[in-house]
Amino acid sequence: MELLMLDPVAFTLGPLTVYWYGLIISLAILIGMMWAIYEGKKRGIDPDTFVDMLIIIIPVAILCARLYYVIFSWSSYAGHPVDAFKIWEGGLAIHGALIGGVMTAYLLTRKQKVPFWLLADVVAPSIMLGQIMGRWGNFFNQEAYGSEVSKSFLENLHLPDFIINQMYINGAYYHPTFLYESLWNVVGLVLVLLYRRSNQRVGESFLLYVIWYSVGRFFIESLRTDSLMFFGLKTAQLVSLALIIGSVIVWIYRRKISTVRYMDVQLVQGTSEMVEAEKKE
């Protein structure tokens, strides 16, 4: 029986081809921005701040995601470098996007006079939502999958047929690592939201996100067969370890220098002042 595969193309409009990957990423950005604006208002951040910053951050993040991917898989593009620009075919490394996006956000917060760590806590759930949704773009493209498995293995996971069928690639079934990572981030999103609501110190919700994602990515990456490599080691695992260690160090350091609680913060926009509001029972 022929398996029903999902088309990576959502629809076409004349010469324009629209891919599910692009649609899902665009929708994730839109929902994430609306969520960040909603949460930011509670902390006194002007909604225009998010819009102004995203106009710059999004293209920089996409560029860095592609640049990261191309650099660590240059052998695939050396003979036909024009293909390096075909982002609609996949090949956007989330670590590249995160590094580029966070660095850009840090520079912009200094200009906008918004505390970086406060903004990071506000947008952390939005970033996680984007990753949860974005992995389904990989699903439609039949990429970011793991090593070969049997059909019975996938059936024992109680996966719906449309996922099992889509994991049948070039005559074999594979680990749906896109799904593992998406579900890992769903759990992480709940934990980050609960932690942020428990009124912990500013910056810790974002650091919790980085640690949680990096731990999951480290182990899930061990199942993947399409990993970017660096001197024989999986790049994503090396970066994940660096992010875990770095985040723990920053967490300990900030515990020593800051006592500001997230839920008590009200930002005075346009200045560097951040004051603690009285708790309302």
C-alpha atoms as a PDB file:
ATOM      1  CA  MET A   1       0.000   0.000   0.000  1.00  0.00           C
ATOM      2  CA  GLU A   2       1.360   3.411  -0.945  1.00  0.00           C
ATOM      3  CA  LEU A   3       1.963   5.719   1.987  1.00  0.00           C
ATOM      4  CA  LEU A   4       0.413   9.158   2.033  1.00  0.00           C
ATOM      5  CA  MET A   5       3.196  11.727   2.311  1.00  0.00           C
ATOM      6  CA  LEU A   6       2.569  15.358   3.207  1.00  0.00           C
ATOM      7  CA  ASP A   7       3.608  17.921   0.626  1.00  0.00           C
ATOM      8  CA  PRO A   8       6.082  20.538   1.925  1.00  0.00           C
ATOM      9  CA  VAL A   9       4.358  23.029  -0.388  1.00  0.00           C
ATOM     10  CA  ALA A  10       1.300  24.621   1.225  1.00  0.00           C
ATOM     11  CA  PHE A  11       0.018  26.327  -1.919  1.00  0.00           C
ATOM     12  CA  THR A  12       1.088  28.205  -5.010  1.00  0.00           C
ATOM     13  CA  LEU A  13       0.013  31.598  -6.297  1.00  0.00           C
ATOM     14  CA  GLY A  14       1.136  31.837  -9.898  1.00  0.00           C
ATOM     15  CA  PRO A  15       4.948  31.793  -9.834  1.00  0.00           C
ATOM     16  CA  LEU A  16       4.975  32.063  -6.010  1.00  0.00           C
ATOM     17  CA  THR A  17       5.416  28.842  -4.056  1.00  0.00           C
ATOM     18  CA  VAL A  18       4.531  28.979  -0.363  1.00  0.00           C
ATOM     19  CA  TYR A  19       6.005  26.263   1.857  1.00  0.00           C
ATOM     20  CA  TRP A  20       4.590  24.954   5.112  1.00  0.00           C
ATOM     21  CA  TYR A  21       7.964  25.622   6.718  1.00  0.00           C
ATOM     22  CA  GLY A  22       7.731  29.336   6.011  1.00  0.00           C
ATOM     23  CA  LEU A  23       4.064  29.524   7.019  1.00  0.00           C
ATOM     24  CA  ILE A  24       4.683  27.809  10.346  1.00  0.00           C
ATOM     25  CA  ILE A  25       7.688  29.987  11.180  1.00  0.00           C
ATOM     26  CA  SER A  26       5.785  33.159  10.234  1.00  0.00           C
ATOM     27  CA  LEU A  27       2.814  32.151  12.380  1.00  0.00           C
ATOM     28  CA  ALA A  28       5.126  31.330  15.291  1.00  0.00           C
ATOM     29  CA  ILE A  29       6.748  34.777  15.061  1.00  0.00           C
ATOM     30  CA  LEU A  30       3.354  36.508  14.971  1.00  0.00           C
ATOM     31  CA  ILE A  31       1.925  34.606  17.951  1.00  0.00           C
ATOM     32  CA  GLY A  32       5.164  34.941  19.889  1.00  0.00           C
ATOM     33  CA  MET A  33       5.261  38.699  19.341  1.00  0.00           C
ATOM     34  CA  MET A  34       1.645  39.137  20.459  1.00  0.00           C
ATOM     35  CA  TRP A  35       2.347  37.082  23.583  1.00  0.00           C
ATOM     36  CA  ALA A  36       5.484  39.078  24.388  1.00  0.00           C
ATOM     37  CA  ILE A  37       3.618  42.368  23.926  1.00  0.00           C
ATOM     38  CA  TYR A  38       0.855  41.173  26.254  1.00  0.00           C
ATOM     39  CA  GLU A  39       3.313  40.113  28.957  1.00  0.00           C
ATOM     40  CA  GLY A  40       5.535  43.146  28.418  1.00  0.00           C
ATOM     41  CA  LYS A  41       2.688  45.531  29.177  1.00  0.00           C
ATOM     42  CA  LYS A  42       2.465  44.041  32.667  1.00  0.00           C
ATOM     43  CA  ARG A  43       6.103  44.926  33.257  1.00  0.00           C
ATOM     44  CA  GLY A  44       5.757  48.407  31.807  1.00  0.00           C
ATOM     45  CA  ILE A  45       7.431  47.763  28.432  1.00  0.00           C
ATOM     46  CA  ASP A  46       6.037  49.805  25.545  1.00  0.00           C
ATOM     47  CA  PRO A  47       4.570  47.490  22.843  1.00  0.00           C
ATOM     48  CA  ASP A  48       6.396  49.490  20.174  1.00  0.00           C
ATOM     49  CA  THR A  49       9.647  48.305  21.734  1.00  0.00           C
ATOM     50  CA  PHE A  50       8.944  44.735  20.654  1.00  0.00           C
ATOM     51  CA  VAL A  51       7.882  45.714  17.139  1.00  0.00           C
ATOM     52  CA  ASP A  52      10.904  47.970  16.620  1.00  0.00           C
ATOM     53  CA  MET A  53      13.290  45.321  17.887  1.00  0.00           C
ATOM     54  CA  LEU A  54      11.761  42.436  15.948  1.00  0.00           C
ATOM     55  CA  ILE A  55      12.112  44.322  12.667  1.00  0.00           C
ATOM     56  CA  ILE A  56      15.867  44.100  13.216  1.00  0.00           C
ATOM     57  CA  ILE A  57      16.178  40.860  15.170  1.00  0.00           C
ATOM     58  CA  ILE A  58      14.225  38.611  12.788  1.00  0.00           C
ATOM     59  CA  PRO A  59      16.368  39.163   9.672  1.00  0.00           C
ATOM     60  CA  VAL A  60      19.556  39.048  11.760  1.00  0.00           C
ATOM     61  CA  ALA A  61      18.449  35.771  13.386  1.00  0.00           C
ATOM     62  CA  ILE A  62      17.584  34.209  10.016  1.00  0.00           C
ATOM     63  CA  LEU A  63      20.909  35.340   8.565  1.00  0.00           C
ATOM     64  CA  CYS A  64      22.832  33.956  11.547  1.00  0.00           C
ATOM     65  CA  ALA A  65      20.860  30.694  11.465  1.00  0.00           C
ATOM     66  CA  ARG A  66      21.744  30.184   7.824  1.00  0.00           C
ATOM     67  CA  LEU A  67      25.336  31.362   8.257  1.00  0.00           C
ATOM     68  CA  TYR A  68      25.852  28.947  11.170  1.00  0.00           C
ATOM     69  CA  TYR A  69      24.459  26.068   9.114  1.00  0.00           C
ATOM     70  CA  VAL A  70      26.478  26.864   5.992  1.00  0.00           C
ATOM     71  CA  ILE A  71      29.743  27.332   7.892  1.00  0.00           C
ATOM     72  CA  PHE A  72      29.510  23.927   9.574  1.00  0.00           C
ATOM     73  CA  SER A  73      28.353  22.145   6.394  1.00  0.00           C
ATOM     74  CA  TRP A  74      30.437  24.043   3.864  1.00  0.00           C
ATOM     75  CA  SER A  75      31.485  20.883   2.050  1.00  0.00           C
ATOM     76  CA  SER A  76      27.883  20.562   0.847  1.00  0.00           C
ATOM     77  CA  TYR A  77      27.907  24.049  -0.676  1.00  0.00           C
ATOM     78  CA  ALA A  78      31.495  24.512  -1.858  1.00  0.00           C
ATOM     79  CA  GLY A  79      30.691  23.187  -5.327  1.00  0.00           C
ATOM     80  CA  HIS A  80      27.456  25.169  -5.737  1.00  0.00           C
ATOM     81  CA  PRO A  81      27.538  28.129  -3.312  1.00  0.00           C
ATOM     82  CA  VAL A  82      24.324  29.613  -4.743  1.00  0.00           C
ATOM     83  CA  ASP A  83      22.416  26.870  -2.883  1.00  0.00           C
ATOM     84  CA  ALA A  84      23.529  28.476   0.379  1.00  0.00           C
ATOM     85  CA  PHE A  85      20.823  31.099  -0.184  1.00  0.00           C
ATOM     86  CA  LYS A  86      17.971  28.581  -0.618  1.00  0.00           C
ATOM     87  CA  ILE A  87      16.636  28.781   2.915  1.00  0.00           C
ATOM     88  CA  TRP A  88      13.229  27.485   1.808  1.00  0.00           C
ATOM     89  CA  GLU A  89      14.859  24.071   1.397  1.00  0.00           C
ATOM     90  CA  GLY A  90      15.712  23.981   5.100  1.00  0.00           C
ATOM     91  CA  GLY A  91      19.073  24.405   6.737  1.00  0.00           C
ATOM     92  CA  LEU A  92      18.439  27.019   9.420  1.00  0.00           C
ATOM     93  CA  ALA A  93      20.327  26.195  12.610  1.00  0.00           C
ATOM     94  CA  ILE A  94      18.426  27.220  15.728  1.00  0.00           C
ATOM     95  CA  HIS A  95      21.645  27.787  17.660  1.00  0.00           C
ATOM     96  CA  GLY A  96      22.773  30.312  15.075  1.00  0.00           C
ATOM     97  CA  ALA A  97      19.430  32.109  15.289  1.00  0.00           C
ATOM     98  CA  LEU A  98      19.517  32.183  19.097  1.00  0.00           C
ATOM     99  CA  ILE A  99      23.079  33.456  19.301  1.00  0.00           C
ATOM    100  CA  GLY A 100      22.514  36.142  16.684  1.00  0.00           C
ATOM    101  CA  GLY A 101      19.116  37.112  18.058  1.00  0.00           C
ATOM    102  CA  VAL A 102      20.222  37.370  21.690  1.00  0.00           C
ATOM    103  CA  MET A 103      23.321  39.403  20.853  1.00  0.00           C
ATOM    104  CA  THR A 104      21.261  41.773  18.723  1.00  0.00           C
ATOM    105  CA  ALA A 105      18.613  42.069  21.435  1.00  0.00           C
ATOM    106  CA  TYR A 106      21.286  42.943  23.989  1.00  0.00           C
ATOM    107  CA  LEU A 107      22.592  45.789  21.828  1.00  0.00           C
ATOM    108  CA  LEU A 108      19.082  47.058  21.124  1.00  0.00           C
ATOM    109  CA  THR A 109      18.051  47.038  24.796  1.00  0.00           C
ATOM    110  CA  ARG A 110      20.940  49.351  25.572  1.00  0.00           C
ATOM    111  CA  LYS A 111      19.693  51.743  22.922  1.00  0.00           C
ATOM    112  CA  GLN A 112      16.049  51.419  23.970  1.00  0.00           C
ATOM    113  CA  LYS A 113      16.960  51.750  27.677  1.00  0.00           C
ATOM    114  CA  VAL A 114      15.177  48.510  28.532  1.00  0.00           C
ATOM    115  CA  PRO A 115      16.867  46.103  30.985  1.00  0.00           C
ATOM    116  CA  PHE A 116      18.083  43.148  28.946  1.00  0.00           C
ATOM    117  CA  TRP A 117      17.327  40.494  31.556  1.00  0.00           C
ATOM    118  CA  LEU A 118      13.795  41.735  32.059  1.00  0.00           C
ATOM    119  CA  LEU A 119      13.145  41.619  28.326  1.00  0.00           C
ATOM    120  CA  ALA A 120      14.734  38.168  28.140  1.00  0.00           C
ATOM    121  CA  ASP A 121      12.317  36.846  30.781  1.00  0.00           C
ATOM    122  CA  VAL A 122       9.363  38.362  28.939  1.00  0.00           C
ATOM    123  CA  VAL A 123      10.221  36.796  25.586  1.00  0.00           C
ATOM    124  CA  ALA A 124      11.552  33.417  26.799  1.00  0.00           C
ATOM    125  CA  PRO A 125       8.139  31.682  26.506  1.00  0.00           C
ATOM    126  CA  SER A 126       7.646  33.212  23.052  1.00  0.00           C
ATOM    127  CA  ILE A 127      10.987  31.805  21.909  1.00  0.00           C
ATOM    128  CA  MET A 128      10.047  28.374  23.251  1.00  0.00           C
ATOM    129  CA  LEU A 129       6.688  28.527  21.473  1.00  0.00           C
ATOM    130  CA  GLY A 130       8.513  29.380  18.260  1.00  0.00           C
ATOM    131  CA  GLN A 131      10.731  26.320  18.676  1.00  0.00           C
ATOM    132  CA  ILE A 132       7.750  24.094  19.473  1.00  0.00           C
ATOM    133  CA  MET A 133       5.981  25.180  16.300  1.00  0.00           C
ATOM    134  CA  GLY A 134       9.084  25.507  14.154  1.00  0.00           C
ATOM    135  CA  ARG A 135      10.022  21.832  14.489  1.00  0.00           C
ATOM    136  CA  TRP A 136       6.805  20.990  12.651  1.00  0.00           C
ATOM    137  CA  GLY A 137       8.219  22.856   9.683  1.00  0.00           C
ATOM    138  CA  ASN A 138      11.044  20.290   9.748  1.00  0.00           C
ATOM    139  CA  PHE A 139       8.363  17.600   9.832  1.00  0.00           C
ATOM    140  CA  PHE A 140       6.827  18.796   6.563  1.00  0.00           C
ATOM    141  CA  ASN A 141      10.283  19.026   4.983  1.00  0.00           C
ATOM    142  CA  GLN A 142      11.164  15.519   6.221  1.00  0.00           C
ATOM    143  CA  GLU A 143      14.353  16.762   7.874  1.00  0.00           C
ATOM    144  CA  ALA A 144      15.871  16.857  11.366  1.00  0.00           C
ATOM    145  CA  TYR A 145      15.016  13.194  11.901  1.00  0.00           C
ATOM    146  CA  GLY A 146      17.010  10.580  13.765  1.00  0.00           C
ATOM    147  CA  SER A 147      18.494   7.185  13.089  1.00  0.00           C
ATOM    148  CA  GLU A 148      16.644   4.331  11.429  1.00  0.00           C
ATOM    149  CA  VAL A 149      13.954   2.474  13.384  1.00  0.00           C
ATOM    150  CA  SER A 150      11.274  -0.076  12.587  1.00  0.00           C
ATOM    151  CA  LYS A 151       7.669   0.770  11.840  1.00  0.00           C
ATOM    152  CA  SER A 152       6.626  -1.235  14.893  1.00  0.00           C
ATOM    153  CA  PHE A 153       8.846   0.990  17.066  1.00  0.00           C
ATOM    154  CA  LEU A 154       6.942   4.071  15.900  1.00  0.00           C
ATOM    155  CA  GLU A 155       3.604   2.307  16.317  1.00  0.00           C
ATOM    156  CA  ASN A 156       4.548   1.383  19.893  1.00  0.00           C
ATOM    157  CA  LEU A 157       4.972   5.111  20.569  1.00  0.00           C
ATOM    158  CA  HIS A 158       1.263   5.423  19.733  1.00  0.00           C
ATOM    159  CA  LEU A 159       1.963   8.007  17.054  1.00  0.00           C
ATOM    160  CA  PRO A 160      -0.776   8.913  14.568  1.00  0.00           C
ATOM    161  CA  ASP A 161      -0.430   7.485  11.067  1.00  0.00           C
ATOM    162  CA  PHE A 162       0.362  10.841   9.478  1.00  0.00           C
ATOM    163  CA  ILE A 163       3.536  11.132  11.572  1.00  0.00           C
ATOM    164  CA  ILE A 164       4.565   7.522  11.006  1.00  0.00           C
ATOM    165  CA  ASN A 165       4.039   7.871   7.253  1.00  0.00           C
ATOM    166  CA  GLN A 166       6.035  11.100   7.109  1.00  0.00           C
ATOM    167  CA  MET A 167       8.918   9.365   8.886  1.00  0.00           C
ATOM    168  CA  TYR A 168       9.177   6.902   5.974  1.00  0.00           C
ATOM    169  CA  ILE A 169      12.048   8.411   4.005  1.00  0.00           C
ATOM    170  CA  ASN A 170      13.972   6.778   1.165  1.00  0.00           C
ATOM    171  CA  GLY A 171      12.697   3.323   1.992  1.00  0.00           C
ATOM    172  CA  ALA A 172      13.120   3.356   5.782  1.00  0.00           C
ATOM    173  CA  TYR A 173      11.540   4.678   8.968  1.00  0.00           C
ATOM    174  CA  TYR A 174      13.377   7.084  11.277  1.00  0.00           C
ATOM    175  CA  HIS A 175      13.211   8.538  14.789  1.00  0.00           C
ATOM    176  CA  PRO A 176      10.869  11.568  14.778  1.00  0.00           C
ATOM    177  CA  THR A 177      13.403  13.701  16.628  1.00  0.00           C
ATOM    178  CA  PHE A 178      11.524  16.813  15.529  1.00  0.00           C
ATOM    179  CA  LEU A 179       8.644  15.557  17.682  1.00  0.00           C
ATOM    180  CA  TYR A 180      10.875  14.689  20.639  1.00  0.00           C
ATOM    181  CA  GLU A 181      12.288  18.200  20.675  1.00  0.00           C
ATOM    182  CA  SER A 182       8.896  19.840  20.201  1.00  0.00           C
ATOM    183  CA  LEU A 183       7.405  17.897  23.129  1.00  0.00           C
ATOM    184  CA  TRP A 184      10.490  18.524  25.282  1.00  0.00           C
ATOM    185  CA  ASN A 185       9.970  22.235  24.748  1.00  0.00           C
ATOM    186  CA  VAL A 186       6.264  21.957  25.605  1.00  0.00           C
ATOM    187  CA  VAL A 187       7.245  20.612  29.037  1.00  0.00           C
ATOM    188  CA  GLY A 188       9.938  23.275  29.310  1.00  0.00           C
ATOM    189  CA  LEU A 189       7.458  26.010  28.436  1.00  0.00           C
ATOM    190  CA  VAL A 190       5.182  24.953  31.293  1.00  0.00           C
ATOM    191  CA  LEU A 191       8.132  24.894  33.706  1.00  0.00           C
ATOM    192  CA  VAL A 192       9.371  28.330  32.618  1.00  0.00           C
ATOM    193  CA  LEU A 193       5.888  29.838  32.963  1.00  0.00           C
ATOM    194  CA  LEU A 194       5.473  28.345  36.438  1.00  0.00           C
ATOM    195  CA  TYR A 195       8.940  29.487  37.471  1.00  0.00           C
ATOM    196  CA  ARG A 196       8.358  33.014  36.194  1.00  0.00           C
ATOM    197  CA  ARG A 197       5.019  33.190  37.961  1.00  0.00           C
ATOM    198  CA  SER A 198       6.652  32.111  41.228  1.00  0.00           C
ATOM    199  CA  ASN A 199       8.322  35.537  41.236  1.00  0.00           C
ATOM    200  CA  GLN A 200      11.940  34.462  40.964  1.00  0.00           C
ATOM    201  CA  ARG A 201      14.777  36.860  40.220  1.00  0.00           C
ATOM    202  CA  VAL A 202      14.849  38.736  36.936  1.00  0.00           C
ATOM    203  CA  GLY A 203      16.755  36.820  34.296  1.00  0.00           C
ATOM    204  CA  GLU A 204      16.349  33.365  35.795  1.00  0.00           C
ATOM    205  CA  SER A 205      13.355  32.346  33.666  1.00  0.00           C
ATOM    206  CA  PHE A 206      15.372  32.986  30.517  1.00  0.00           C
ATOM    207  CA  LEU A 207      18.363  31.098  31.905  1.00  0.00           C
ATOM    208  CA  LEU A 208      16.079  28.208  32.864  1.00  0.00           C
ATOM    209  CA  TYR A 209      14.857  28.103  29.263  1.00  0.00           C
ATOM    210  CA  VAL A 210      18.411  28.020  27.902  1.00  0.00           C
ATOM    211  CA  ILE A 211      19.419  25.219  30.289  1.00  0.00           C
ATOM    212  CA  TRP A 212      16.273  23.169  29.698  1.00  0.00           C
ATOM    213  CA  TYR A 213      16.466  23.426  25.924  1.00  0.00           C
ATOM    214  CA  SER A 214      20.194  22.690  25.868  1.00  0.00           C
ATOM    215  CA  VAL A 215      19.866  19.562  28.019  1.00  0.00           C
ATOM    216  CA  GLY A 216      17.149  18.192  25.767  1.00  0.00           C
ATOM    217  CA  ARG A 217      18.977  19.134  22.588  1.00  0.00           C
ATOM    218  CA  PHE A 218      22.168  17.440  23.790  1.00  0.00           C
ATOM    219  CA  PHE A 219      20.481  14.054  24.178  1.00  0.00           C
ATOM    220  CA  ILE A 220      18.131  14.345  21.197  1.00  0.00           C
ATOM    221  CA  GLU A 221      21.057  15.316  18.975  1.00  0.00           C
ATOM    222  CA  SER A 222      22.674  11.959  19.764  1.00  0.00           C
ATOM    223  CA  LEU A 223      19.830  10.301  17.809  1.00  0.00           C
ATOM    224  CA  ARG A 224      20.148  12.479  14.715  1.00  0.00           C
ATOM    225  CA  THR A 225      22.060  11.502  11.601  1.00  0.00           C
ATOM    226  CA  ASP A 226      22.140  14.923   9.920  1.00  0.00           C
ATOM    227  CA  SER A 227      24.147  16.708  12.609  1.00  0.00           C
ATOM    228  CA  LEU A 228      26.601  19.461  11.799  1.00  0.00           C
ATOM    229  CA  MET A 229      30.081  18.358  12.800  1.00  0.00           C
ATOM    230  CA  PHE A 230      33.103  20.136  14.241  1.00  0.00           C
ATOM    231  CA  PHE A 231      36.363  18.166  14.304  1.00  0.00           C
ATOM    232  CA  GLY A 232      34.452  14.899  14.508  1.00  0.00           C
ATOM    233  CA  LEU A 233      32.083  16.060  17.255  1.00  0.00           C
ATOM    234  CA  LYS A 234      28.452  17.092  16.931  1.00  0.00           C
ATOM    235  CA  THR A 235      28.348  20.874  16.906  1.00  0.00           C
ATOM    236  CA  ALA A 236      24.923  21.119  18.546  1.00  0.00           C
ATOM    237  CA  GLN A 237      26.076  19.011  21.479  1.00  0.00           C
ATOM    238  CA  LEU A 238      29.188  21.131  21.982  1.00  0.00           C
ATOM    239  CA  VAL A 239      27.163  24.347  21.846  1.00  0.00           C
ATOM    240  CA  SER A 240      24.546  22.881  24.193  1.00  0.00           C
ATOM    241  CA  LEU A 241      27.190  21.996  26.764  1.00  0.00           C
ATOM    242  CA  ALA A 242      28.690  25.478  26.501  1.00  0.00           C
ATOM    243  CA  LEU A 243      25.258  27.061  26.976  1.00  0.00           C
ATOM    244  CA  ILE A 244      24.474  24.910  30.011  1.00  0.00           C
ATOM    245  CA  ILE A 245      27.769  25.713  31.716  1.00  0.00           C
ATOM    246  CA  GLY A 246      27.589  29.396  30.793  1.00  0.00           C
ATOM    247  CA  SER A 247      23.987  29.736  31.981  1.00  0.00           C
ATOM    248  CA  VAL A 248      24.731  28.091  35.335  1.00  0.00           C
ATOM    249  CA  ILE A 249      27.684  30.432  35.878  1.00  0.00           C
ATOM    250  CA  VAL A 250      25.596  33.495  34.985  1.00  0.00           C
ATOM    251  CA  TRP A 251      22.753  32.242  37.222  1.00  0.00           C
ATOM    252  CA  ILE A 252      25.082  31.919  40.236  1.00  0.00           C
ATOM    253  CA  TYR A 253      26.649  35.306  39.538  1.00  0.00           C
ATOM    254  CA  ARG A 254      23.306  37.080  39.195  1.00  0.00           C
ATOM    255  CA  ARG A 255      22.107  35.536  42.442  1.00  0.00           C
ATOM    256  CA  LYS A 256      24.913  37.437  44.130  1.00  0.00           C
ATOM    257  CA  ILE A 257      24.323  40.815  42.491  1.00  0.00           C
ATOM    258  CA  SER A 258      20.550  41.059  42.010  1.00  0.00           C
ATOM    259  CA  THR A 259      17.544  40.635  44.270  1.00  0.00           C
ATOM    260  CA  VAL A 260      14.940  42.124  41.889  1.00  0.00           C
ATOM    261  CA  ARG A 261      11.938  39.833  41.461  1.00  0.00           C
ATOM    262  CA  TYR A 262      10.249  39.471  38.103  1.00  0.00           C
ATOM    263  CA  MET A 263       6.624  39.871  39.203  1.00  0.00           C
ATOM    264  CA  ASP A 264       7.481  42.963  41.259  1.00  0.00           C
ATOM    265  CA  VAL A 265       9.050  44.881  38.388  1.00  0.00           C
ATOM    266  CA  GLN A 266       7.600  47.986  36.777  1.00  0.00           C
ATOM    267  CA  LEU A 267       9.803  49.520  34.130  1.00  0.00           C
ATOM    268  CA  VAL A 268       9.957  53.276  33.741  1.00  0.00           C
ATOM    269  CA  GLN A 269      10.223  53.369  29.947  1.00  0.00           C
ATOM    270  CA  GLY A 270      12.814  55.695  28.471  1.00  0.00           C
ATOM    271  CA  THR A 271      15.166  55.541  31.444  1.00  0.00           C
ATOM    272  CA  SER A 272      17.428  52.902  32.934  1.00  0.00           C
ATOM    273  CA  GLU A 273      15.334  52.866  36.090  1.00  0.00           C
ATOM    274  CA  MET A 274      13.640  49.668  37.149  1.00  0.00           C
ATOM    275  CA  VAL A 275      11.658  49.718  40.364  1.00  0.00           C
ATOM    276  CA  GLU A 276      10.039  47.017  42.434  1.00  0.00           C
ATOM    277  CA  ALA A 277       6.295  47.341  42.741  1.00  0.00           C
ATOM    278  CA  GLU A 278       4.463  46.350  45.855  1.00  0.00           C
ATOM    279  CA  LYS A 279       3.085  42.836  45.810  1.00  0.00           C
ATOM    280  CA  LYS A 280      -0.648  42.756  45.426  1.00  0.00           C
ATOM    281  CA  GLU A 281      -2.246  39.920  47.303  1.00  0.00           C
END
